[in-house]
Amino acid sequence: MTKFIIVIVFFIIAFLLEGSSLRKQKRFSDLYIFSFLMFLAFGLSILYILKIPIPNPLVLINYMFMPVANWIYGLLN
């Protein structure tokens, strides 16, 4: 439970420090992207703390590019 609170406090402090400077500079597009990435990182951090398995993105990349790799390998043989 303490890890959960530490993560929440860390993300709130980071968001307030960076988000306020982006808002003062009127860089709203950067603020939207920053908010999305912070929300994504926060969600992944909470999943990690709760020991919920997080899928490996390398599996998806391998699944997408394996047919192309096999086709190229077939051309070279």
N, C-alpha and C. Protein backbone atom coordinates (compact mmCIF):
# COMPACT_ATOMS: atom_id res chain seq x y z
N MET A 1 0.82 -1.19 0.00
CA MET A 1 0.00 0.00 0.00
C MET A 1 0.86 1.26 0.00
N THR A 2 2.01 1.20 0.66
CA THR A 2 2.87 2.39 0.69
C THR A 2 3.47 2.65 -0.69
N LYS A 3 3.77 1.59 -1.45
CA LYS A 3 4.29 1.78 -2.81
C LYS A 3 3.25 2.50 -3.67
N PHE A 4 2.00 2.12 -3.50
CA PHE A 4 0.91 2.74 -4.24
C PHE A 4 0.83 4.24 -3.96
N ILE A 5 0.92 4.61 -2.70
CA ILE A 5 0.86 6.03 -2.30
C ILE A 5 2.08 6.79 -2.80
N ILE A 6 3.26 6.16 -2.73
CA ILE A 6 4.48 6.81 -3.22
C ILE A 6 4.38 7.10 -4.71
N VAL A 7 3.88 6.14 -5.48
CA VAL A 7 3.73 6.33 -6.93
C VAL A 7 2.74 7.45 -7.22
N ILE A 8 1.63 7.46 -6.51
CA ILE A 8 0.63 8.52 -6.73
C ILE A 8 1.22 9.89 -6.43
N VAL A 9 1.92 10.01 -5.31
CA VAL A 9 2.52 11.30 -4.93
C VAL A 9 3.57 11.72 -5.95
N PHE A 10 4.40 10.78 -6.39
CA PHE A 10 5.43 11.09 -7.38
C PHE A 10 4.82 11.61 -8.68
N PHE A 11 3.78 10.94 -9.16
CA PHE A 11 3.17 11.37 -10.42
C PHE A 11 2.44 12.71 -10.27
N ILE A 12 1.84 12.94 -9.13
CA ILE A 12 1.18 14.24 -8.91
C ILE A 12 2.21 15.36 -8.90
N ILE A 13 3.33 15.16 -8.20
CA ILE A 13 4.38 16.19 -8.16
C ILE A 13 4.96 16.42 -9.54
N ALA A 14 5.27 15.34 -10.26
CA ALA A 14 5.84 15.47 -11.61
C ALA A 14 4.88 16.18 -12.54
N PHE A 15 3.59 15.84 -12.45
CA PHE A 15 2.61 16.47 -13.32
C PHE A 15 2.44 17.95 -12.99
N LEU A 16 2.42 18.28 -11.71
CA LEU A 16 2.27 19.68 -11.33
C LEU A 16 3.47 20.52 -11.76
N LEU A 17 4.66 19.97 -11.61
CA LEU A 17 5.87 20.73 -12.00
C LEU A 17 5.94 20.94 -13.51
N GLU A 18 5.79 19.87 -14.25
CA GLU A 18 5.93 19.97 -15.71
C GLU A 18 4.68 20.54 -16.37
N GLY A 19 3.52 20.12 -15.92
CA GLY A 19 2.27 20.57 -16.53
C GLY A 19 2.03 22.06 -16.36
N SER A 20 2.39 22.58 -15.20
CA SER A 20 2.17 24.01 -14.98
C SER A 20 3.07 24.86 -15.87
N SER A 21 4.31 24.42 -16.07
CA SER A 21 5.20 25.19 -16.95
C SER A 21 4.73 25.14 -18.40
N LEU A 22 4.22 24.00 -18.83
CA LEU A 22 3.69 23.91 -20.20
C LEU A 22 2.45 24.77 -20.36
N ARG A 23 1.62 24.82 -19.33
CA ARG A 23 0.41 25.64 -19.40
C ARG A 23 0.75 27.13 -19.40
N LYS A 24 1.74 27.53 -18.62
CA LYS A 24 2.14 28.95 -18.58
C LYS A 24 2.72 29.40 -19.92
N GLN A 25 3.42 28.48 -20.59
CA GLN A 25 4.00 28.80 -21.89
C GLN A 25 3.00 28.65 -23.03
N LYS A 26 1.77 28.26 -22.69
CA LYS A 26 0.68 28.05 -23.66
C LYS A 26 1.05 27.03 -24.73
N ARG A 27 1.73 25.98 -24.31
CA ARG A 27 2.09 24.89 -25.21
C ARG A 27 1.10 23.75 -24.98
N PHE A 28 -0.13 23.96 -25.43
CA PHE A 28 -1.21 23.04 -25.12
C PHE A 28 -1.07 21.70 -25.84
N SER A 29 -0.54 21.71 -27.05
CA SER A 29 -0.37 20.43 -27.73
C SER A 29 0.66 19.57 -26.99
N ASP A 30 1.73 20.19 -26.50
CA ASP A 30 2.71 19.46 -25.70
C ASP A 30 2.10 18.99 -24.39
N LEU A 31 1.23 19.81 -23.83
CA LEU A 31 0.56 19.45 -22.58
C LEU A 31 -0.34 18.24 -22.78
N TYR A 32 -1.04 18.16 -23.89
CA TYR A 32 -1.90 17.00 -24.17
C TYR A 32 -1.07 15.73 -24.31
N ILE A 33 0.03 15.81 -25.04
CA ILE A 33 0.89 14.64 -25.23
C ILE A 33 1.52 14.23 -23.90
N PHE A 34 1.99 15.23 -23.14
CA PHE A 34 2.58 14.96 -21.83
C PHE A 34 1.57 14.29 -20.91
N SER A 35 0.34 14.79 -20.92
CA SER A 35 -0.71 14.22 -20.06
C SER A 35 -1.00 12.78 -20.45
N PHE A 36 -1.08 12.51 -21.75
CA PHE A 36 -1.33 11.14 -22.22
C PHE A 36 -0.21 10.20 -21.79
N LEU A 37 1.04 10.61 -21.97
CA LEU A 37 2.16 9.76 -21.61
C LEU A 37 2.26 9.56 -20.10
N MET A 38 1.95 10.60 -19.33
CA MET A 38 1.96 10.46 -17.87
C MET A 38 0.86 9.50 -17.42
N PHE A 39 -0.32 9.61 -18.04
CA PHE A 39 -1.42 8.71 -17.70
C PHE A 39 -1.05 7.26 -18.04
N LEU A 40 -0.41 7.06 -19.18
CA LEU A 40 0.02 5.72 -19.58
C LEU A 40 1.07 5.18 -18.61
N ALA A 41 2.05 5.99 -18.27
CA ALA A 41 3.09 5.56 -17.33
C ALA A 41 2.51 5.29 -15.95
N PHE A 42 1.56 6.10 -15.53
CA PHE A 42 0.91 5.89 -14.24
C PHE A 42 0.16 4.56 -14.23
N GLY A 43 -0.57 4.29 -15.29
CA GLY A 43 -1.31 3.03 -15.37
C GLY A 43 -0.39 1.83 -15.35
N LEU A 44 0.72 1.90 -16.10
CA LEU A 44 1.67 0.78 -16.12
C LEU A 44 2.33 0.61 -14.76
N SER A 45 2.61 1.71 -14.08
CA SER A 45 3.21 1.63 -12.75
C SER A 45 2.27 0.97 -11.75
N ILE A 46 1.01 1.33 -11.81
CA ILE A 46 0.03 0.73 -10.91
C ILE A 46 -0.13 -0.77 -11.21
N LEU A 47 -0.17 -1.13 -12.48
CA LEU A 47 -0.26 -2.54 -12.84
C LEU A 47 0.96 -3.31 -12.33
N TYR A 48 2.13 -2.69 -12.42
CA TYR A 48 3.36 -3.34 -11.95
C TYR A 48 3.33 -3.54 -10.44
N ILE A 49 2.86 -2.52 -9.72
CA ILE A 49 2.78 -2.62 -8.26
C ILE A 49 1.78 -3.69 -7.83
N LEU A 50 0.67 -3.79 -8.54
CA LEU A 50 -0.35 -4.78 -8.21
C LEU A 50 0.01 -6.18 -8.72
N LYS A 51 1.19 -6.32 -9.33
CA LYS A 51 1.70 -7.59 -9.87
C LYS A 51 0.78 -8.20 -10.92
N ILE A 52 0.17 -7.34 -11.73
CA ILE A 52 -0.62 -7.78 -12.86
C ILE A 52 0.33 -7.90 -14.06
N PRO A 53 0.33 -9.02 -14.75
CA PRO A 53 1.29 -9.18 -15.85
C PRO A 53 1.06 -8.16 -16.96
N ILE A 54 2.14 -7.53 -17.38
CA ILE A 54 2.11 -6.53 -18.44
C ILE A 54 2.65 -7.20 -19.70
N PRO A 55 1.90 -7.13 -20.80
CA PRO A 55 2.37 -7.81 -22.01
C PRO A 55 3.64 -7.16 -22.58
N ASN A 56 4.48 -8.00 -23.14
CA ASN A 56 5.72 -7.56 -23.73
C ASN A 56 5.45 -7.06 -25.16
N PRO A 57 5.81 -5.82 -25.49
CA PRO A 57 5.54 -5.33 -26.85
C PRO A 57 6.36 -6.04 -27.92
N LEU A 58 7.43 -6.71 -27.53
CA LEU A 58 8.25 -7.42 -28.50
C LEU A 58 7.50 -8.58 -29.14
N VAL A 59 6.56 -9.17 -28.42
CA VAL A 59 5.75 -10.26 -28.98
C VAL A 59 4.91 -9.76 -30.15
N LEU A 60 4.30 -8.59 -30.01
CA LEU A 60 3.49 -8.01 -31.08
C LEU A 60 4.37 -7.64 -32.28
N ILE A 61 5.52 -7.06 -32.02
CA ILE A 61 6.43 -6.67 -33.11
C ILE A 61 6.89 -7.92 -33.86
N ASN A 62 7.23 -8.96 -33.13
CA ASN A 62 7.66 -10.21 -33.76
C ASN A 62 6.53 -10.81 -34.60
N TYR A 63 5.30 -10.77 -34.08
CA TYR A 63 4.14 -11.29 -34.80
C TYR A 63 3.90 -10.52 -36.09
N MET A 64 4.12 -9.21 -36.07
CA MET A 64 3.87 -8.38 -37.25
C MET A 64 4.94 -8.56 -38.32
N PHE A 65 6.20 -8.70 -37.91
CA PHE A 65 7.28 -8.72 -38.89
C PHE A 65 7.77 -10.11 -39.28
N MET A 66 7.32 -11.15 -38.62
CA MET A 66 7.78 -12.49 -38.97
C MET A 66 7.38 -12.90 -40.39
N PRO A 67 6.16 -12.61 -40.88
CA PRO A 67 5.86 -12.96 -42.28
C PRO A 67 6.78 -12.25 -43.29
N VAL A 68 7.10 -11.01 -43.02
CA VAL A 68 8.01 -10.27 -43.91
C VAL A 68 9.40 -10.88 -43.86
N ALA A 69 9.86 -11.23 -42.66
CA ALA A 69 11.19 -11.83 -42.52
C ALA A 69 11.24 -13.18 -43.23
N ASN A 70 10.18 -13.96 -43.11
CA ASN A 70 10.15 -15.25 -43.80
C ASN A 70 10.13 -15.07 -45.31
N TRP A 71 9.42 -14.08 -45.81
CA TRP A 71 9.38 -13.81 -47.24
C TRP A 71 10.75 -13.41 -47.76
N ILE A 72 11.43 -12.52 -47.03
CA ILE A 72 12.78 -12.08 -47.43
C ILE A 72 13.75 -13.27 -47.36
N TYR A 73 13.63 -14.06 -46.32
CA TYR A 73 14.50 -15.23 -46.19
C TYR A 73 14.26 -16.21 -47.35
N GLY A 74 13.01 -16.35 -47.76
CA GLY A 74 12.71 -17.22 -48.90
C GLY A 74 13.28 -16.68 -50.20
N LEU A 75 13.32 -15.38 -50.37
CA LEU A 75 13.91 -14.80 -51.57
C LEU A 75 15.42 -15.00 -51.62
N LEU A 76 16.05 -14.96 -50.47
CA LEU A 76 17.51 -15.07 -50.43
C LEU A 76 18.01 -16.48 -50.54
N ASN A 77 17.15 -17.47 -50.32
CA ASN A 77 17.59 -18.88 -50.43
C ASN A 77 17.54 -19.35 -51.82
